[in-house]
Amino acid sequence: MELFPAIDLRGGRCVRLRQGDYDAETVYGGDPVAVARRFADAGAPWIHLVDLDAARTGEPVNRPLVTAVATSVGARVQAGGGVRDEAAVEELLEAGVARVVLGTAAMHDPALVTRMAARHPSAIAVGLDARGGEVAVRGWTEGAGVALLEAARRFDDAGVSALVVTNIQQDGTLEGPDLDGLAEVMAVTTVEVVASGGVGTVEHLSALAALDVGGRRLAGAIVGKAIYEGSFTVEEAMAALIGV
């Protein structure tokens, strides 16, 4: 199980939101590239980047920062937020991003996901951000009218490399991941699942690593606030994920 330290970009800064609320923002640094380098230097295999501005508006205002991170760290970069068409996918991959996460676009145009996954095997993921069991879109500001489990089933044979599943109500709370919800998703799909939201302690990571559904385990865990707040280090997180 792999660790994905998270960097959320807003206004060119490294921030975290609480439960997807743009009015509940904490700024953790003005140099996202430096933050990414620290994560990579600590041994993180992935960096998870989200352009929060683009997620709401579709305008990739932080794209230069995404490119800077992708070209300056040794870790692979998984990036999403406001990726709404083929051109945006291609631009991110050409910029050095290893995997592109489609969220809003996946809900509105599932065929886009299938086309991109066929063109770029292993480089496309679908972001399923759920609130109350419903997938949310446009930076978590709108409901998509699609149930989380229905969406997971929809992309089971789309050729994507992963489903990035976030429980919005847990995100940024440090109160623990939604283990039951993640297990339900794993039960309805054969696609690898990366968990996001709620991790606040090493014990939470150990619980994610131990989650077993029909002999399948989670592929990874996205962690942001807990690392920034000093709850544990990247090294400690990685040890917890491989210690089961």
Protein backbone atom coordinates (compact mmCIF):
# COMPACT_ATOMS: atom_id res chain seq x y z
CA MET A 1 0.00 0.00 0.00
CA GLU A 2 1.49 3.30 -1.10
CA LEU A 3 1.52 6.72 0.53
CA PHE A 4 0.29 9.79 -1.35
CA PRO A 5 1.18 12.98 0.57
CA ALA A 6 -1.28 15.62 -0.59
CA ILE A 7 -0.70 19.14 -1.80
CA ASP A 8 -3.83 21.20 -2.47
CA LEU A 9 -3.16 24.32 -4.50
CA ARG A 10 -5.16 27.50 -4.10
CA GLY A 11 -3.95 30.91 -5.15
CA GLY A 12 -0.48 29.49 -5.68
CA ARG A 13 -0.20 28.34 -2.08
CA CYS A 14 -0.26 24.98 -0.34
CA VAL A 15 -3.52 24.74 1.62
CA ARG A 16 -5.93 22.30 3.22
CA LEU A 17 -9.69 22.60 3.49
CA ARG A 18 -11.92 21.12 6.16
CA GLN A 19 -14.73 18.98 4.76
CA GLY A 20 -14.35 20.65 1.39
CA ASP A 21 -15.27 24.09 2.76
CA TYR A 22 -13.41 26.83 0.89
CA ASP A 23 -14.09 29.16 3.81
CA ALA A 24 -12.33 26.75 6.20
CA GLU A 25 -8.88 26.95 4.67
CA THR A 26 -5.53 26.58 6.40
CA VAL A 27 -2.41 27.74 4.56
CA TYR A 28 0.61 25.51 5.08
CA GLY A 29 3.13 27.13 2.78
CA GLY A 30 3.74 29.54 -0.03
CA ASP A 31 6.10 27.26 -1.95
CA PRO A 32 4.35 24.04 -3.02
CA VAL A 33 7.42 22.91 -4.95
CA ALA A 34 9.52 23.01 -1.78
CA VAL A 35 6.83 21.07 0.09
CA ALA A 36 6.75 18.43 -2.65
CA ARG A 37 10.52 18.11 -2.54
CA ARG A 38 10.41 17.51 1.21
CA PHE A 39 7.87 14.74 0.74
CA ALA A 40 9.87 13.15 -2.06
CA ASP A 41 13.16 13.45 -0.17
CA ALA A 42 11.52 11.64 2.75
CA GLY A 43 10.83 8.71 0.45
CA ALA A 44 7.21 9.23 -0.60
CA PRO A 45 6.62 7.31 -3.85
CA TRP A 46 3.80 9.62 -4.96
CA ILE A 47 2.73 13.24 -4.57
CA HIS A 48 -1.02 13.91 -4.85
CA LEU A 49 -1.71 17.36 -6.31
CA VAL A 50 -5.11 19.04 -6.54
CA ASP A 51 -5.73 22.40 -8.18
CA LEU A 52 -8.60 23.65 -6.02
CA ASP A 53 -9.07 26.81 -8.07
CA ALA A 54 -9.42 24.82 -11.27
CA ALA A 55 -11.73 22.32 -9.58
CA ARG A 56 -14.28 25.07 -9.00
CA THR A 57 -13.85 27.09 -12.17
CA GLY A 58 -12.24 24.79 -14.71
CA GLU A 59 -9.49 27.37 -15.25
CA PRO A 60 -6.03 25.79 -14.63
CA VAL A 61 -4.56 28.79 -12.85
CA ASN A 62 -2.10 26.65 -10.90
CA ARG A 63 -0.94 24.59 -13.89
CA PRO A 64 2.58 26.12 -13.85
CA LEU A 65 2.99 24.93 -10.25
CA VAL A 66 1.78 21.45 -11.14
CA THR A 67 4.34 21.36 -13.93
CA ALA A 68 7.06 22.65 -11.62
CA VAL A 69 6.37 19.92 -9.10
CA ALA A 70 6.20 17.19 -11.73
CA THR A 71 9.52 18.19 -13.23
CA SER A 72 11.45 18.81 -10.03
CA VAL A 73 10.76 15.85 -7.72
CA GLY A 74 11.71 12.21 -7.95
CA ALA A 75 8.30 10.97 -6.81
CA ARG A 76 5.54 10.24 -9.27
CA VAL A 77 2.86 12.92 -9.38
CA GLN A 78 -0.87 12.24 -9.41
CA ALA A 79 -2.77 15.39 -10.32
CA GLY A 80 -6.37 16.46 -10.58
CA GLY A 81 -8.70 19.39 -10.19
CA GLY A 82 -10.42 21.03 -13.13
CA VAL A 83 -9.33 18.46 -15.72
CA ARG A 84 -12.36 18.72 -17.99
CA ASP A 85 -11.24 17.64 -21.47
CA GLU A 86 -8.71 15.68 -23.53
CA ALA A 87 -6.46 18.68 -23.99
CA ALA A 88 -6.06 19.14 -20.24
CA VAL A 89 -5.20 15.47 -19.79
CA GLU A 90 -2.60 15.59 -22.53
CA GLU A 91 -1.06 18.79 -21.19
CA LEU A 92 -0.64 17.32 -17.71
CA LEU A 93 0.90 14.11 -19.00
CA GLU A 94 3.26 16.05 -21.26
CA ALA A 95 4.22 18.14 -18.22
CA GLY A 96 5.45 15.03 -16.45
CA VAL A 97 2.41 14.04 -14.42
CA ALA A 98 2.32 10.25 -14.02
CA ARG A 99 -1.41 9.90 -13.39
CA VAL A 100 -4.30 12.27 -14.06
CA VAL A 101 -7.43 12.19 -11.91
CA LEU A 102 -10.73 12.95 -13.63
CA GLY A 103 -13.58 13.90 -11.31
CA THR A 104 -16.23 16.29 -12.59
CA ALA A 105 -15.48 15.35 -16.19
CA ALA A 106 -15.86 11.67 -15.35
CA MET A 107 -19.38 12.25 -14.07
CA HIS A 108 -20.45 14.40 -17.02
CA ASP A 109 -18.63 12.52 -19.79
CA PRO A 110 -17.78 8.92 -18.86
CA ALA A 111 -16.73 8.25 -22.46
CA LEU A 112 -13.86 10.71 -21.97
CA VAL A 113 -12.51 8.47 -19.23
CA THR A 114 -12.66 5.40 -21.45
CA ARG A 115 -10.92 7.16 -24.34
CA MET A 116 -8.15 8.55 -22.19
CA ALA A 117 -7.61 5.26 -20.36
CA ALA A 118 -7.30 3.43 -23.67
CA ARG A 119 -4.85 6.00 -24.97
CA HIS A 120 -2.81 6.18 -21.76
CA PRO A 121 -2.94 2.86 -19.90
CA SER A 122 -2.06 3.20 -16.21
CA ALA A 123 -2.15 7.00 -16.40
CA ILE A 124 -5.84 7.73 -15.75
CA ALA A 125 -7.73 7.59 -12.45
CA VAL A 126 -11.26 8.59 -11.52
CA GLY A 127 -11.86 10.75 -8.47
CA LEU A 128 -15.01 9.83 -6.56
CA ASP A 129 -15.59 12.47 -3.90
CA ALA A 130 -18.69 11.66 -1.90
CA ARG A 131 -20.85 13.50 0.58
CA GLY A 132 -23.65 11.52 2.18
CA GLY A 133 -23.18 8.74 -0.35
CA GLU A 134 -23.55 11.05 -3.37
CA VAL A 135 -20.67 11.98 -5.65
CA ALA A 136 -19.87 15.71 -5.58
CA VAL A 137 -18.42 17.70 -8.47
CA ARG A 138 -17.01 21.14 -9.31
CA GLY A 139 -14.70 21.33 -6.35
CA TRP A 140 -17.21 19.57 -4.09
CA THR A 141 -19.66 22.45 -4.50
CA GLU A 142 -22.41 20.51 -6.32
CA GLY A 143 -23.96 17.08 -6.14
CA ALA A 144 -23.70 14.98 -9.28
CA GLY A 145 -26.91 13.07 -8.64
CA VAL A 146 -24.96 9.80 -8.77
CA ALA A 147 -24.49 7.45 -5.83
CA LEU A 148 -20.92 6.58 -4.91
CA LEU A 149 -21.33 2.84 -5.38
CA GLU A 150 -23.13 3.33 -8.69
CA ALA A 151 -20.23 5.47 -9.91
CA ALA A 152 -17.69 2.88 -8.78
CA ARG A 153 -19.52 0.21 -10.77
CA ARG A 154 -19.77 2.50 -13.79
CA PHE A 155 -15.99 2.72 -14.17
CA ASP A 156 -15.17 -0.89 -13.32
CA ASP A 157 -14.48 -1.80 -16.95
CA ALA A 158 -13.34 1.63 -18.17
CA GLY A 159 -9.65 0.72 -18.07
CA VAL A 160 -8.70 3.20 -15.34
CA SER A 161 -5.77 2.43 -13.07
CA ALA A 162 -7.42 3.56 -9.83
CA LEU A 163 -10.44 5.04 -8.12
CA VAL A 164 -9.51 7.84 -5.73
CA VAL A 165 -12.27 7.75 -3.12
CA THR A 166 -12.77 10.66 -0.72
CA ASN A 167 -15.31 10.94 2.06
CA ILE A 168 -15.80 14.72 2.10
CA GLN A 169 -17.37 14.70 5.55
CA GLN A 170 -14.21 13.13 6.97
CA ASP A 171 -11.72 15.12 4.94
CA GLY A 172 -9.56 17.45 6.99
CA THR A 173 -11.09 16.35 10.30
CA LEU A 174 -8.28 14.00 11.42
CA GLU A 175 -11.02 11.86 12.98
CA GLY A 176 -10.36 8.70 10.99
CA PRO A 177 -11.13 7.30 7.54
CA ASP A 178 -14.46 5.86 6.47
CA LEU A 179 -13.46 2.20 6.60
CA ASP A 180 -16.97 0.89 6.04
CA GLY A 181 -17.53 3.12 3.03
CA LEU A 182 -14.20 2.13 1.51
CA ALA A 183 -15.00 -1.53 2.02
CA GLU A 184 -18.31 -1.06 0.21
CA VAL A 185 -16.54 0.49 -2.76
CA MET A 186 -13.94 -2.28 -2.87
CA ALA A 187 -16.74 -4.84 -2.87
CA VAL A 188 -18.30 -3.51 -6.09
CA THR A 189 -15.21 -2.89 -8.21
CA THR A 190 -12.10 -4.70 -9.35
CA VAL A 191 -10.24 -1.42 -9.87
CA GLU A 192 -7.57 -0.47 -7.35
CA VAL A 193 -8.85 1.95 -4.70
CA VAL A 194 -6.87 4.82 -3.18
CA ALA A 195 -8.37 6.13 0.05
CA SER A 196 -8.59 9.79 0.99
CA GLY A 197 -10.04 11.70 3.91
CA GLY A 198 -9.88 11.63 7.68
CA VAL A 199 -6.46 10.19 8.45
CA GLY A 200 -5.18 11.73 11.66
CA THR A 201 -2.97 9.12 13.32
CA VAL A 202 -0.61 6.30 12.47
CA GLU A 203 -3.26 3.94 13.80
CA HIS A 204 -5.67 5.20 11.15
CA LEU A 205 -3.11 4.32 8.48
CA SER A 206 -2.62 0.88 9.99
CA ALA A 207 -6.39 0.35 9.87
CA LEU A 208 -6.43 1.28 6.19
CA ALA A 209 -3.55 -1.08 5.48
CA ALA A 210 -5.37 -3.91 7.28
CA LEU A 211 -8.66 -3.42 5.40
CA ASP A 212 -9.35 -6.63 3.48
CA VAL A 213 -12.31 -7.21 1.19
CA GLY A 214 -12.35 -10.63 -0.43
CA GLY A 215 -8.58 -10.84 -0.27
CA ARG A 216 -8.12 -7.37 -1.78
CA ARG A 217 -6.38 -4.48 -0.05
CA LEU A 218 -6.36 -0.75 -0.69
CA ALA A 219 -3.75 0.43 -3.19
CA GLY A 220 -2.88 3.61 -1.35
CA ALA A 221 -3.75 6.33 1.12
CA ILE A 222 -3.77 10.08 0.56
CA VAL A 223 -2.69 12.04 3.62
CA GLY A 224 -2.44 15.79 4.00
CA LYS A 225 -3.33 17.63 7.17
CA ALA A 226 -1.93 15.01 9.58
CA ILE A 227 1.53 15.37 8.05
CA TYR A 228 1.35 19.16 7.99
CA GLU A 229 0.20 19.26 11.59
CA GLY A 230 3.04 16.99 12.70
CA SER A 231 0.89 14.06 13.78
CA PHE A 232 3.42 11.79 12.08
CA THR A 233 6.17 11.99 9.49
CA VAL A 234 6.23 10.68 5.94
CA GLU A 235 8.61 7.96 7.10
CA GLU A 236 6.30 6.91 9.93
CA ALA A 237 3.33 6.87 7.58
CA MET A 238 5.10 4.64 5.11
CA ALA A 239 6.14 2.25 7.87
CA ALA A 240 2.52 1.97 9.01
CA LEU A 241 1.31 1.20 5.50
CA ILE A 242 3.74 -1.64 4.95
CA GLY A 243 3.67 -2.97 8.51
CA VAL A 244 0.54 -5.14 8.16
